[in-house]
Amino acid sequence: MTDEVITEAHEGVLTITLNRPESKNAVNRALALRMVEAIDELEKNPDLRAAIITGAGGTFCSGMDLKAFVSGETPHIEGRGFGGVTEYMPKKPLLAAIEGYALAGGFELAISCDLIVAADTAKFGIPEVKRGLAAAAGGLCKLPKQIPYRIAMEMALTGDFFDAERAAGLGLINHVVPEGKALEATKELAAKIAANGPLAVTASKQVVYSAQDWDSSEMNEHQNKILSPVFVSEDAIEGATAFAEKRPPNWKGK
């Protein structure tokens, strides 16, 4: 029996590979539970600065394992959501490297990440309505915040797919790369993040994510509560000193 999720850590970046290629990485409960373990490792290990979610076998994720669903199994984990990810925001950056299909729950896993890199042959969609279901793992709620309202509505009601070029044009993904290069390109992006001050990165992520729901009158107050500790940290002094001394910084995360 293969492990449903494979993890590999390298230079501060944890690569999390969905490993059910025979079912196009469809999510069953075992995979979801392994995803929780992987995200917990990201959160607890101070040497890890970011994580990448990708899929084995040339595809990202086709969504929920419908055979398991029919048998009564659920891939939703309490407090974490579908696949152990969609209702939980890690403090550290989460990136998606997409080849092939990111559909239904697989698409919802992708849009739960902070950054997305996709191959030019990738396909995206929430086709749940075609199966008498609905995109309840965040697709209907998160998508209208990430792309124009009417495009999100069309996707939700028709279940049609769209390609990487259109996704990039809508601002849904960060980079489009040649087929087979998504993981390589995502690792390069993650390495840039991992090289930065960890306190500054996590605080910046929190502000960007939270600011979508802040009223303009309270924006500065909320931001300052999150960012003030960064400016008085040891890392802030180290970053300035390293710049003056023309050397790479030695981050301590405090």
Protein backbone atom coordinates (compact mmCIF):
# COMPACT_ATOMS: atom_id res chain seq x y z
CA MET A 1 0.00 0.00 0.00
CA THR A 2 1.41 3.36 -0.97
CA ASP A 3 1.54 6.34 1.36
CA GLU A 4 -1.26 8.73 0.39
CA VAL A 5 0.97 11.75 1.08
CA ILE A 6 4.74 12.01 0.66
CA THR A 7 6.71 14.80 2.33
CA GLU A 8 10.23 16.03 1.68
CA ALA A 9 12.01 18.92 3.37
CA HIS A 10 14.83 20.81 1.66
CA GLU A 11 16.39 24.14 2.59
CA GLY A 12 13.43 25.34 4.62
CA VAL A 13 10.72 24.23 2.18
CA LEU A 14 8.42 21.25 2.78
CA THR A 15 7.10 19.61 -0.39
CA ILE A 16 3.82 17.78 0.21
CA THR A 17 2.89 15.40 -2.61
CA LEU A 18 -0.62 13.96 -2.94
CA ASN A 19 0.18 10.38 -3.86
CA ARG A 20 -2.86 8.57 -5.25
CA PRO A 21 -2.02 8.82 -8.98
CA GLU A 22 -4.20 5.82 -9.85
CA SER A 23 -7.25 7.93 -8.88
CA LYS A 24 -5.82 11.27 -10.05
CA ASN A 25 -5.04 12.07 -6.41
CA ALA A 26 -8.69 12.05 -5.37
CA VAL A 27 -8.97 12.78 -1.65
CA ASN A 28 -10.10 10.07 0.72
CA ARG A 29 -10.02 10.21 4.51
CA ALA A 30 -6.59 8.61 4.79
CA LEU A 31 -5.09 11.26 2.53
CA ALA A 32 -6.84 14.04 4.46
CA LEU A 33 -5.47 12.76 7.78
CA ARG A 34 -1.95 12.63 6.32
CA MET A 35 -2.34 16.20 5.11
CA VAL A 36 -3.14 17.28 8.67
CA GLU A 37 0.09 15.63 9.82
CA ALA A 38 2.08 17.37 7.08
CA ILE A 39 0.65 20.82 7.86
CA ASP A 40 1.27 20.27 11.58
CA GLU A 41 4.91 19.49 10.76
CA LEU A 42 5.14 22.74 8.80
CA GLU A 43 3.74 24.70 11.73
CA LYS A 44 5.84 23.07 14.47
CA ASN A 45 9.24 22.81 12.79
CA PRO A 46 11.13 26.13 13.07
CA ASP A 47 13.46 25.09 10.26
CA LEU A 48 10.56 25.03 7.79
CA ARG A 49 9.62 28.40 6.27
CA ALA A 50 7.05 27.43 3.61
CA ALA A 51 5.33 24.41 2.06
CA ILE A 52 4.33 23.33 -1.43
CA ILE A 53 1.35 21.12 -2.22
CA THR A 54 1.63 19.19 -5.47
CA GLY A 55 0.33 15.94 -6.97
CA ALA A 56 1.92 12.74 -8.23
CA GLY A 57 1.41 11.31 -11.70
CA GLY A 58 1.06 14.52 -13.69
CA THR A 59 -2.08 15.86 -12.06
CA PHE A 60 -2.79 17.96 -8.99
CA CYS A 61 -6.07 16.66 -7.57
CA SER A 62 -9.39 15.60 -9.07
CA GLY A 63 -11.32 16.35 -5.88
CA MET A 64 -13.16 14.06 -3.50
CA ASP A 65 -12.94 10.30 -3.91
CA LEU A 66 -16.54 9.70 -4.98
CA LYS A 67 -16.33 5.94 -4.42
CA ALA A 68 -15.31 6.55 -0.83
CA PHE A 69 -18.03 9.19 -0.48
CA VAL A 70 -20.73 6.78 -1.66
CA SER A 71 -19.53 4.24 0.90
CA GLY A 72 -20.02 6.81 3.68
CA GLU A 73 -16.44 8.03 4.07
CA THR A 74 -15.75 11.74 4.52
CA PRO A 75 -12.51 13.52 3.54
CA HIS A 76 -13.44 16.48 5.77
CA ILE A 77 -11.47 16.78 9.01
CA GLU A 78 -13.08 18.70 11.84
CA GLY A 79 -11.44 22.09 12.28
CA ARG A 80 -9.35 21.64 9.12
CA GLY A 81 -11.89 21.13 6.35
CA PHE A 82 -11.66 19.20 3.08
CA GLY A 83 -8.36 17.39 2.67
CA GLY A 84 -7.30 18.69 6.06
CA VAL A 85 -6.57 22.11 4.57
CA THR A 86 -9.52 24.21 3.34
CA GLU A 87 -10.69 25.49 6.74
CA TYR A 88 -7.26 26.05 8.25
CA MET A 89 -4.75 28.80 7.45
CA PRO A 90 -1.17 27.91 8.38
CA LYS A 91 0.91 30.78 9.71
CA LYS A 92 3.60 29.97 7.16
CA PRO A 93 3.11 30.38 3.39
CA LEU A 94 1.48 27.57 1.46
CA LEU A 95 2.04 27.27 -2.30
CA ALA A 96 0.38 25.07 -4.92
CA ALA A 97 2.28 23.55 -7.85
CA ILE A 98 -0.29 22.42 -10.40
CA GLU A 99 0.05 20.05 -13.32
CA GLY A 100 -2.98 18.57 -15.04
CA TYR A 101 -6.32 18.90 -13.27
CA ALA A 102 -7.23 20.91 -10.18
CA LEU A 103 -10.93 20.19 -9.99
CA ALA A 104 -13.70 20.31 -7.39
CA GLY A 105 -12.08 19.75 -3.98
CA GLY A 106 -8.70 19.78 -5.70
CA PHE A 107 -9.41 23.28 -6.97
CA GLU A 108 -10.54 24.26 -3.48
CA LEU A 109 -7.25 22.98 -2.07
CA ALA A 110 -5.41 25.14 -4.60
CA ILE A 111 -7.31 28.35 -3.83
CA SER A 112 -6.72 27.76 -0.13
CA CYS A 113 -3.00 28.24 -0.82
CA ASP A 114 -1.33 31.65 -0.75
CA LEU A 115 0.39 31.35 -4.14
CA ILE A 116 -0.30 29.18 -7.19
CA VAL A 117 2.03 28.16 -10.02
CA ALA A 118 0.50 26.15 -12.86
CA ALA A 119 1.60 24.40 -16.01
CA ASP A 120 0.23 25.87 -19.24
CA THR A 121 -1.79 22.67 -19.74
CA ALA A 122 -3.49 22.79 -16.32
CA LYS A 123 -7.28 22.83 -16.03
CA PHE A 124 -9.36 24.33 -13.24
CA GLY A 125 -12.99 24.05 -12.23
CA ILE A 126 -15.68 23.35 -9.65
CA PRO A 127 -17.86 20.81 -11.52
CA GLU A 128 -19.75 19.63 -8.43
CA VAL A 129 -23.12 20.74 -9.84
CA LYS A 130 -22.65 18.23 -12.66
CA ARG A 131 -22.81 15.50 -9.99
CA GLY A 132 -25.68 16.99 -8.00
CA LEU A 133 -23.27 18.37 -5.41
CA ALA A 134 -21.94 21.83 -4.54
CA ALA A 135 -18.45 23.25 -3.99
CA ALA A 136 -18.81 23.33 -0.21
CA ALA A 137 -15.10 23.21 0.63
CA GLY A 138 -14.60 26.91 0.02
CA GLY A 139 -15.10 27.21 -3.73
CA LEU A 140 -18.37 29.13 -3.46
CA CYS A 141 -17.07 31.40 -0.68
CA LYS A 142 -13.41 31.97 -1.51
CA LEU A 143 -13.63 32.20 -5.29
CA PRO A 144 -15.66 35.47 -5.42
CA LYS A 145 -12.90 37.07 -3.30
CA GLN A 146 -10.22 35.96 -5.72
CA ILE A 147 -11.79 36.55 -9.15
CA PRO A 148 -14.67 38.75 -10.47
CA TYR A 149 -18.11 37.91 -9.07
CA ARG A 150 -19.78 36.99 -12.35
CA ILE A 151 -16.95 34.71 -13.43
CA ALA A 152 -17.13 32.94 -10.06
CA MET A 153 -20.90 32.62 -10.48
CA GLU A 154 -20.51 31.15 -13.97
CA MET A 155 -18.01 28.59 -12.71
CA ALA A 156 -20.28 27.62 -9.80
CA LEU A 157 -23.43 27.25 -11.90
CA THR A 158 -22.06 25.63 -15.07
CA GLY A 159 -19.29 23.50 -13.62
CA ASP A 160 -17.21 24.25 -16.72
CA PHE A 161 -13.39 24.15 -16.68
CA PHE A 162 -10.99 26.88 -17.68
CA ASP A 163 -7.31 26.81 -18.55
CA ALA A 164 -4.18 28.27 -16.98
CA GLU A 165 -4.05 31.20 -19.40
CA ARG A 166 -7.51 32.36 -18.36
CA ALA A 167 -6.76 31.71 -14.69
CA ALA A 168 -3.69 33.93 -14.93
CA GLY A 169 -5.68 36.61 -16.73
CA LEU A 170 -8.19 36.61 -13.88
CA GLY A 171 -5.39 36.96 -11.32
CA LEU A 172 -6.15 33.57 -9.81
CA ILE A 173 -2.65 32.17 -10.29
CA ASN A 174 0.78 33.78 -10.00
CA HIS A 175 2.76 32.13 -12.78
CA VAL A 176 2.17 29.93 -15.83
CA VAL A 177 5.07 27.69 -16.81
CA PRO A 178 5.66 24.97 -19.44
CA GLU A 179 4.15 21.54 -18.81
CA GLY A 180 6.23 19.51 -16.39
CA LYS A 181 7.88 22.58 -14.82
CA ALA A 182 5.29 23.60 -12.20
CA LEU A 183 7.03 22.05 -9.20
CA GLU A 184 10.45 23.32 -10.23
CA ALA A 185 9.13 26.86 -10.64
CA THR A 186 7.22 26.70 -7.36
CA LYS A 187 10.34 25.57 -5.52
CA GLU A 188 12.17 28.59 -6.90
CA LEU A 189 9.39 30.85 -5.63
CA ALA A 190 9.33 29.13 -2.24
CA ALA A 191 13.11 29.51 -1.94
CA LYS A 192 12.74 33.28 -2.28
CA ILE A 193 10.24 33.25 0.57
CA ALA A 194 12.38 30.97 2.74
CA ALA A 195 15.32 33.35 2.38
CA ASN A 196 13.39 36.18 4.02
CA GLY A 197 12.88 36.98 7.68
CA PRO A 198 10.46 34.36 9.07
CA LEU A 199 8.72 36.71 11.49
CA ALA A 200 8.26 39.31 8.76
CA VAL A 201 6.90 36.71 6.34
CA THR A 202 4.32 35.25 8.73
CA ALA A 203 3.18 38.70 9.88
CA SER A 204 2.93 39.96 6.30
CA LYS A 205 0.86 36.93 5.33
CA GLN A 206 -1.49 37.51 8.27
CA VAL A 207 -2.04 41.17 7.38
CA VAL A 208 -2.64 40.54 3.65
CA TYR A 209 -5.09 37.74 4.46
CA SER A 210 -6.94 39.57 7.23
CA ALA A 211 -7.06 43.01 5.61
CA GLN A 212 -9.71 41.82 3.15
CA ASP A 213 -12.21 41.91 6.02
CA TRP A 214 -11.00 45.08 7.77
CA ASP A 215 -12.87 48.35 7.59
CA SER A 216 -10.68 51.25 6.43
CA SER A 217 -11.26 53.07 9.73
CA GLU A 218 -9.70 50.22 11.73
CA MET A 219 -7.11 49.05 9.21
CA ASN A 220 -4.07 50.76 10.72
CA GLU A 221 -4.90 49.69 14.25
CA HIS A 222 -5.22 46.04 13.30
CA GLN A 223 -2.11 46.12 11.15
CA ASN A 224 0.02 47.73 13.86
CA LYS A 225 -0.91 45.04 16.38
CA ILE A 226 0.46 42.39 14.04
CA LEU A 227 3.49 44.23 12.67
CA SER A 228 4.80 46.12 15.72
CA PRO A 229 6.54 43.03 17.19
CA VAL A 230 8.37 42.53 13.90
CA PHE A 231 10.04 45.95 14.10
CA VAL A 232 11.42 45.33 17.61
CA SER A 233 12.58 41.76 16.92
CA GLU A 234 16.15 40.48 16.84
CA ASP A 235 15.59 39.60 13.19
CA ALA A 236 14.85 43.23 12.35
CA ILE A 237 18.21 44.29 13.79
CA GLU A 238 19.92 41.38 12.06
CA GLY A 239 18.36 42.26 8.71
CA ALA A 240 19.51 45.87 8.89
CA THR A 241 22.97 44.87 10.11
CA ALA A 242 23.41 42.27 7.39
CA PHE A 243 22.41 44.82 4.76
CA ALA A 244 24.97 47.32 6.08
CA GLU A 245 27.66 44.63 6.22
CA LYS A 246 26.75 43.31 2.76
CA ARG A 247 26.24 39.72 3.90
CA PRO A 248 23.32 37.28 4.03
CA PRO A 249 21.23 37.61 7.20
CA ASN A 250 21.24 34.91 9.86
CA TRP A 251 17.61 34.72 10.92
CA LYS A 252 16.67 33.47 14.37
CA GLY A 253 12.90 33.78 14.10
CA LYS A 254 12.72 36.00 17.17
